[in-house]
Amino acid sequence: MEITLIRHGRSAHIEDHRLNSREFKKWVETYNRLGILEDEVCPSDALEKGVSASFILTSNLKRSIESAKCLNPLAMIRKDRLFREAELPLPASNLPGLKLRPKTWALVLRLLWLCGYSQGCESYRDAKLRAKQASLLLTSIAKEHHSAVLAGHGFFNLLIAGELQKAGWTGKRKTGSKHWNTDTYVRLGGDENVNT
């Protein structure tokens, strides 16, 4: 059995100037609404996994769905909110004078989220529980079809990878945020019980 986790392609939302917290909230809304760059090219390792799949799992966000279509235009797309990216918390109010680039905002807010701050979004603990559910669903699909391919999101894919490894899947988990990361996990003997 094999499970492949692929991070979506580069977002069509490329705005990168300094933003205050209110502007960053709007930036995130736009990022979640848009898909991937129109001329995006999939790397060969991701294409290899996508082309062999009869269906590809995605979140319900456009960048995930468009990435799956890029991987294999003929594959059926199975959308599921379960695979959405772990959201970032947002500051409760505007911080006067503080303007950061989107990547800096994302880094600071993700670190705060990991430390327990989850103002207006799913907590880290809840995201880990959702990742466990996602890993169980992927395992079930892999058992039935011998493989499962997910065109998902960077941070949530890392959480899923951790759950797969806890359940006995082997594979290399990449920690970078490079687009189209392709991580494959295998488990020998697909009929044994999965204890997670």
C-alpha atoms as a PDB file:
ATOM      1  CA  MET A   1       0.000   0.000   0.000  1.00  0.00           C
ATOM      2  CA  GLU A   2       1.140   3.532  -0.697  1.00  0.00           C
ATOM      3  CA  ILE A   3      -0.009   7.014   0.344  1.00  0.00           C
ATOM      4  CA  THR A   4       1.361  10.107  -1.379  1.00  0.00           C
ATOM      5  CA  LEU A   5       0.993  13.594   0.091  1.00  0.00           C
ATOM      6  CA  ILE A   6       1.639  16.414  -2.390  1.00  0.00           C
ATOM      7  CA  ARG A   7       1.648  20.092  -1.488  1.00  0.00           C
ATOM      8  CA  HIS A   8      -0.310  22.312  -3.900  1.00  0.00           C
ATOM      9  CA  GLY A   9       1.392  24.408  -6.573  1.00  0.00           C
ATOM     10  CA  ARG A  10       2.335  28.077  -6.276  1.00  0.00           C
ATOM     11  CA  SER A  11      -0.588  30.342  -5.477  1.00  0.00           C
ATOM     12  CA  ALA A  12      -1.860  32.857  -8.012  1.00  0.00           C
ATOM     13  CA  HIS A  13      -1.893  35.352  -5.114  1.00  0.00           C
ATOM     14  CA  ILE A  14       1.609  36.815  -5.311  1.00  0.00           C
ATOM     15  CA  GLU A  15       1.112  40.151  -3.514  1.00  0.00           C
ATOM     16  CA  ASP A  16       4.082  40.495  -1.134  1.00  0.00           C
ATOM     17  CA  HIS A  17       4.211  44.042   0.275  1.00  0.00           C
ATOM     18  CA  ARG A  18       4.089  44.911   3.984  1.00  0.00           C
ATOM     19  CA  LEU A  19       0.617  44.719   5.525  1.00  0.00           C
ATOM     20  CA  ASN A  20      -0.953  45.623   8.842  1.00  0.00           C
ATOM     21  CA  SER A  21      -2.996  42.949  10.632  1.00  0.00           C
ATOM     22  CA  ARG A  22      -6.320  43.998   9.043  1.00  0.00           C
ATOM     23  CA  GLU A  23      -4.765  43.975   5.574  1.00  0.00           C
ATOM     24  CA  PHE A  24      -3.210  40.567   6.285  1.00  0.00           C
ATOM     25  CA  LYS A  25      -6.643  39.161   7.152  1.00  0.00           C
ATOM     26  CA  LYS A  26      -7.888  40.290   3.717  1.00  0.00           C
ATOM     27  CA  TRP A  27      -4.708  38.870   2.136  1.00  0.00           C
ATOM     28  CA  VAL A  28      -5.499  35.432   3.662  1.00  0.00           C
ATOM     29  CA  GLU A  29      -9.096  35.600   2.383  1.00  0.00           C
ATOM     30  CA  THR A  30      -7.814  36.293  -1.141  1.00  0.00           C
ATOM     31  CA  TYR A  31      -5.177  33.549  -0.844  1.00  0.00           C
ATOM     32  CA  ASN A  32      -7.882  31.040   0.117  1.00  0.00           C
ATOM     33  CA  ARG A  33     -10.138  32.148  -2.745  1.00  0.00           C
ATOM     34  CA  LEU A  34      -7.580  31.945  -5.558  1.00  0.00           C
ATOM     35  CA  GLY A  35      -6.061  28.911  -7.250  1.00  0.00           C
ATOM     36  CA  ILE A  36      -2.546  28.278  -8.537  1.00  0.00           C
ATOM     37  CA  LEU A  37      -0.533  30.171 -11.157  1.00  0.00           C
ATOM     38  CA  GLU A  38      -1.905  29.660 -14.649  1.00  0.00           C
ATOM     39  CA  ASP A  39       1.444  28.530 -16.102  1.00  0.00           C
ATOM     40  CA  GLU A  40       2.353  26.306 -13.131  1.00  0.00           C
ATOM     41  CA  VAL A  41       4.382  23.227 -14.063  1.00  0.00           C
ATOM     42  CA  CYS A  42       4.362  20.096 -11.892  1.00  0.00           C
ATOM     43  CA  PRO A  43       7.731  18.478 -11.144  1.00  0.00           C
ATOM     44  CA  SER A  44       8.271  14.951 -12.473  1.00  0.00           C
ATOM     45  CA  ASP A  45       8.022  13.168  -9.085  1.00  0.00           C
ATOM     46  CA  ALA A  46       4.600  14.715  -8.422  1.00  0.00           C
ATOM     47  CA  LEU A  47       3.425  14.033 -11.990  1.00  0.00           C
ATOM     48  CA  GLU A  48       4.493  10.399 -11.716  1.00  0.00           C
ATOM     49  CA  LYS A  49       2.213   9.900  -8.699  1.00  0.00           C
ATOM     50  CA  GLY A  50      -0.672  11.921 -10.155  1.00  0.00           C
ATOM     51  CA  VAL A  51      -0.702  10.259 -13.580  1.00  0.00           C
ATOM     52  CA  SER A  52      -1.061   6.786 -12.074  1.00  0.00           C
ATOM     53  CA  ALA A  53      -4.048   7.791  -9.887  1.00  0.00           C
ATOM     54  CA  SER A  54      -7.621   7.192 -11.037  1.00  0.00           C
ATOM     55  CA  PHE A  55      -8.739   9.767  -8.471  1.00  0.00           C
ATOM     56  CA  ILE A  56      -6.975  12.402  -6.405  1.00  0.00           C
ATOM     57  CA  LEU A  57      -8.111  13.618  -3.003  1.00  0.00           C
ATOM     58  CA  THR A  58      -8.097  17.369  -2.327  1.00  0.00           C
ATOM     59  CA  SER A  59      -9.335  19.882   0.183  1.00  0.00           C
ATOM     60  CA  ASN A  60     -12.191  22.114  -0.905  1.00  0.00           C
ATOM     61  CA  LEU A  61      -9.817  25.043  -1.516  1.00  0.00           C
ATOM     62  CA  LYS A  62      -9.229  26.086  -5.113  1.00  0.00           C
ATOM     63  CA  ARG A  63      -5.404  25.821  -4.981  1.00  0.00           C
ATOM     64  CA  SER A  64      -5.677  22.179  -3.910  1.00  0.00           C
ATOM     65  CA  ILE A  65      -8.282  21.315  -6.568  1.00  0.00           C
ATOM     66  CA  GLU A  66      -6.377  23.051  -9.389  1.00  0.00           C
ATOM     67  CA  SER A  67      -3.163  21.304  -8.326  1.00  0.00           C
ATOM     68  CA  ALA A  68      -4.895  17.920  -8.617  1.00  0.00           C
ATOM     69  CA  LYS A  69      -6.095  18.833 -12.120  1.00  0.00           C
ATOM     70  CA  CYS A  70      -2.531  19.815 -13.018  1.00  0.00           C
ATOM     71  CA  LEU A  71      -1.260  16.451 -11.711  1.00  0.00           C
ATOM     72  CA  ASN A  72      -3.759  14.468 -13.773  1.00  0.00           C
ATOM     73  CA  PRO A  73      -6.475  16.211 -15.820  1.00  0.00           C
ATOM     74  CA  LEU A  74      -8.230  12.869 -16.391  1.00  0.00           C
ATOM     75  CA  ALA A  75      -8.422  11.792 -12.753  1.00  0.00           C
ATOM     76  CA  MET A  76     -11.605  12.165 -10.750  1.00  0.00           C
ATOM     77  CA  ILE A  77     -11.280  14.792  -7.991  1.00  0.00           C
ATOM     78  CA  ARG A  78     -12.600  13.929  -4.518  1.00  0.00           C
ATOM     79  CA  LYS A  79     -12.946  17.135  -2.474  1.00  0.00           C
ATOM     80  CA  ASP A  80     -13.145  16.969   1.312  1.00  0.00           C
ATOM     81  CA  ARG A  81     -12.955  19.753   3.925  1.00  0.00           C
ATOM     82  CA  LEU A  82     -11.109  17.282   6.140  1.00  0.00           C
ATOM     83  CA  PHE A  83      -7.917  18.005   4.139  1.00  0.00           C
ATOM     84  CA  ARG A  84      -8.050  21.841   4.458  1.00  0.00           C
ATOM     85  CA  GLU A  85      -4.936  23.629   5.626  1.00  0.00           C
ATOM     86  CA  ALA A  86      -4.669  24.319   9.350  1.00  0.00           C
ATOM     87  CA  GLU A  87      -5.812  27.932   9.610  1.00  0.00           C
ATOM     88  CA  LEU A  88      -3.741  30.713  11.096  1.00  0.00           C
ATOM     89  CA  PRO A  89      -5.043  32.695  14.048  1.00  0.00           C
ATOM     90  CA  LEU A  90      -5.423  36.397  13.422  1.00  0.00           C
ATOM     91  CA  PRO A  91      -4.745  39.241  15.829  1.00  0.00           C
ATOM     92  CA  ALA A  92      -7.952  40.305  17.596  1.00  0.00           C
ATOM     93  CA  SER A  93      -7.388  43.967  16.694  1.00  0.00           C
ATOM     94  CA  ASN A  94      -5.159  46.095  14.539  1.00  0.00           C
ATOM     95  CA  LEU A  95      -1.654  46.558  15.906  1.00  0.00           C
ATOM     96  CA  PRO A  96      -0.805  50.222  15.269  1.00  0.00           C
ATOM     97  CA  GLY A  97       2.268  50.718  13.141  1.00  0.00           C
ATOM     98  CA  LEU A  98       3.098  47.015  12.754  1.00  0.00           C
ATOM     99  CA  LYS A  99       3.444  46.091   9.086  1.00  0.00           C
ATOM    100  CA  LEU A 100       4.927  42.775   8.001  1.00  0.00           C
ATOM    101  CA  ARG A 101       5.251  40.843   4.772  1.00  0.00           C
ATOM    102  CA  PRO A 102       2.708  37.978   4.404  1.00  0.00           C
ATOM    103  CA  LYS A 103       5.359  35.258   4.948  1.00  0.00           C
ATOM    104  CA  THR A 104       6.478  36.966   8.163  1.00  0.00           C
ATOM    105  CA  TRP A 105       2.888  37.273   9.408  1.00  0.00           C
ATOM    106  CA  ALA A 106       2.355  33.578   8.611  1.00  0.00           C
ATOM    107  CA  LEU A 107       5.516  32.534  10.466  1.00  0.00           C
ATOM    108  CA  VAL A 108       4.741  34.613  13.583  1.00  0.00           C
ATOM    109  CA  LEU A 109       1.105  33.511  13.701  1.00  0.00           C
ATOM    110  CA  ARG A 110       1.969  29.838  13.097  1.00  0.00           C
ATOM    111  CA  LEU A 111       4.470  29.940  15.988  1.00  0.00           C
ATOM    112  CA  LEU A 112       1.844  31.553  18.244  1.00  0.00           C
ATOM    113  CA  TRP A 113      -0.668  28.903  17.109  1.00  0.00           C
ATOM    114  CA  LEU A 114       1.770  26.108  17.997  1.00  0.00           C
ATOM    115  CA  CYS A 115       2.100  27.711  21.454  1.00  0.00           C
ATOM    116  CA  GLY A 116      -1.677  27.610  21.999  1.00  0.00           C
ATOM    117  CA  TYR A 117      -2.983  30.889  20.542  1.00  0.00           C
ATOM    118  CA  SER A 118      -5.957  30.073  18.298  1.00  0.00           C
ATOM    119  CA  GLN A 119      -8.041  33.262  18.189  1.00  0.00           C
ATOM    120  CA  GLY A 120     -10.855  32.634  15.702  1.00  0.00           C
ATOM    121  CA  CYS A 121      -9.539  29.353  14.265  1.00  0.00           C
ATOM    122  CA  GLU A 122      -9.096  25.654  14.924  1.00  0.00           C
ATOM    123  CA  SER A 123      -6.620  24.933  17.731  1.00  0.00           C
ATOM    124  CA  TYR A 124      -3.386  23.002  17.190  1.00  0.00           C
ATOM    125  CA  ARG A 125      -4.834  20.156  19.275  1.00  0.00           C
ATOM    126  CA  ASP A 126      -7.984  20.028  17.123  1.00  0.00           C
ATOM    127  CA  ALA A 127      -5.921  20.165  13.914  1.00  0.00           C
ATOM    128  CA  LYS A 128      -3.911  17.165  15.131  1.00  0.00           C
ATOM    129  CA  LEU A 129      -7.161  15.254  15.779  1.00  0.00           C
ATOM    130  CA  ARG A 130      -8.349  16.158  12.270  1.00  0.00           C
ATOM    131  CA  ALA A 131      -4.997  14.972  10.860  1.00  0.00           C
ATOM    132  CA  LYS A 132      -5.533  11.637  12.598  1.00  0.00           C
ATOM    133  CA  GLN A 133      -8.988  11.347  10.951  1.00  0.00           C
ATOM    134  CA  ALA A 134      -7.400  12.260   7.600  1.00  0.00           C
ATOM    135  CA  SER A 135      -4.705   9.597   8.017  1.00  0.00           C
ATOM    136  CA  LEU A 136      -7.356   6.969   8.814  1.00  0.00           C
ATOM    137  CA  LEU A 137      -9.342   7.924   5.697  1.00  0.00           C
ATOM    138  CA  LEU A 138      -6.209   7.809   3.522  1.00  0.00           C
ATOM    139  CA  THR A 139      -5.315   4.423   5.010  1.00  0.00           C
ATOM    140  CA  SER A 140      -8.792   3.079   4.260  1.00  0.00           C
ATOM    141  CA  ILE A 141      -8.582   4.309   0.648  1.00  0.00           C
ATOM    142  CA  ALA A 142      -5.074   2.872   0.240  1.00  0.00           C
ATOM    143  CA  LYS A 143      -6.293  -0.498   1.533  1.00  0.00           C
ATOM    144  CA  GLU A 144      -9.150  -0.519  -0.954  1.00  0.00           C
ATOM    145  CA  HIS A 145      -7.238   0.835  -3.990  1.00  0.00           C
ATOM    146  CA  HIS A 146      -3.615  -0.069  -3.039  1.00  0.00           C
ATOM    147  CA  SER A 147      -2.713   3.639  -3.108  1.00  0.00           C
ATOM    148  CA  ALA A 148      -4.035   7.084  -2.241  1.00  0.00           C
ATOM    149  CA  VAL A 149      -2.880  10.464  -3.564  1.00  0.00           C
ATOM    150  CA  LEU A 150      -3.667  13.738  -1.784  1.00  0.00           C
ATOM    151  CA  ALA A 151      -3.047  17.163  -3.327  1.00  0.00           C
ATOM    152  CA  GLY A 152      -3.153  19.028  -0.052  1.00  0.00           C
ATOM    153  CA  HIS A 153      -1.477  21.763   1.938  1.00  0.00           C
ATOM    154  CA  GLY A 154       1.989  22.121   3.436  1.00  0.00           C
ATOM    155  CA  PHE A 155       1.430  22.287   7.169  1.00  0.00           C
ATOM    156  CA  PHE A 156      -1.563  19.966   7.290  1.00  0.00           C
ATOM    157  CA  ASN A 157       0.287  17.409   5.149  1.00  0.00           C
ATOM    158  CA  LEU A 158       3.047  17.455   7.805  1.00  0.00           C
ATOM    159  CA  LEU A 159       0.475  16.712  10.510  1.00  0.00           C
ATOM    160  CA  ILE A 160      -0.953  13.839   8.438  1.00  0.00           C
ATOM    161  CA  ALA A 161       2.564  12.503   7.822  1.00  0.00           C
ATOM    162  CA  GLY A 162       3.202  12.401  11.563  1.00  0.00           C
ATOM    163  CA  GLU A 163       0.022  10.387  12.107  1.00  0.00           C
ATOM    164  CA  LEU A 164       0.910   7.970   9.303  1.00  0.00           C
ATOM    165  CA  GLN A 165       4.333   7.376  10.822  1.00  0.00           C
ATOM    166  CA  LYS A 166       2.782   6.733  14.244  1.00  0.00           C
ATOM    167  CA  ALA A 167       0.568   4.119  12.568  1.00  0.00           C
ATOM    168  CA  GLY A 168       3.548   2.267  11.118  1.00  0.00           C
ATOM    169  CA  TRP A 169       3.812   3.793   7.648  1.00  0.00           C
ATOM    170  CA  THR A 170       7.368   4.412   6.495  1.00  0.00           C
ATOM    171  CA  GLY A 171       8.543   7.278   4.365  1.00  0.00           C
ATOM    172  CA  LYS A 172      10.511  10.463   4.467  1.00  0.00           C
ATOM    173  CA  ARG A 173       8.692  13.499   5.780  1.00  0.00           C
ATOM    174  CA  LYS A 174       9.923  16.749   4.251  1.00  0.00           C
ATOM    175  CA  THR A 175       9.794  19.847   6.404  1.00  0.00           C
ATOM    176  CA  GLY A 176      10.310  22.584   3.806  1.00  0.00           C
ATOM    177  CA  SER A 177       7.505  24.725   2.441  1.00  0.00           C
ATOM    178  CA  LYS A 178       8.536  24.308  -1.206  1.00  0.00           C
ATOM    179  CA  HIS A 179       5.534  23.863  -3.507  1.00  0.00           C
ATOM    180  CA  TRP A 180       4.812  20.445  -4.958  1.00  0.00           C
ATOM    181  CA  ASN A 181       6.588  18.604  -2.088  1.00  0.00           C
ATOM    182  CA  THR A 182       5.888  14.942  -2.789  1.00  0.00           C
ATOM    183  CA  ASP A 183       6.119  12.606   0.215  1.00  0.00           C
ATOM    184  CA  THR A 184       5.309   8.925  -0.213  1.00  0.00           C
ATOM    185  CA  TYR A 185       4.577   6.517   2.646  1.00  0.00           C
ATOM    186  CA  VAL A 186       4.408   2.760   2.294  1.00  0.00           C
ATOM    187  CA  ARG A 187       3.082  -0.007   4.451  1.00  0.00           C
ATOM    188  CA  LEU A 188       3.748  -3.637   3.670  1.00  0.00           C
ATOM    189  CA  GLY A 189       0.979  -6.212   3.948  1.00  0.00           C
ATOM    190  CA  GLY A 190      -2.166  -4.152   3.457  1.00  0.00           C
ATOM    191  CA  ASP A 191      -4.500  -6.476   5.376  1.00  0.00           C
ATOM    192  CA  GLU A 192      -3.255  -5.970   8.920  1.00  0.00           C
ATOM    193  CA  ASN A 193      -5.188  -3.845  11.398  1.00  0.00           C
ATOM    194  CA  VAL A 194      -4.136  -0.255  11.621  1.00  0.00           C
ATOM    195  CA  ASN A 195      -3.748   0.905  15.212  1.00  0.00           C
ATOM    196  CA  THR A 196      -3.668   4.665  15.544  1.00  0.00           C
END
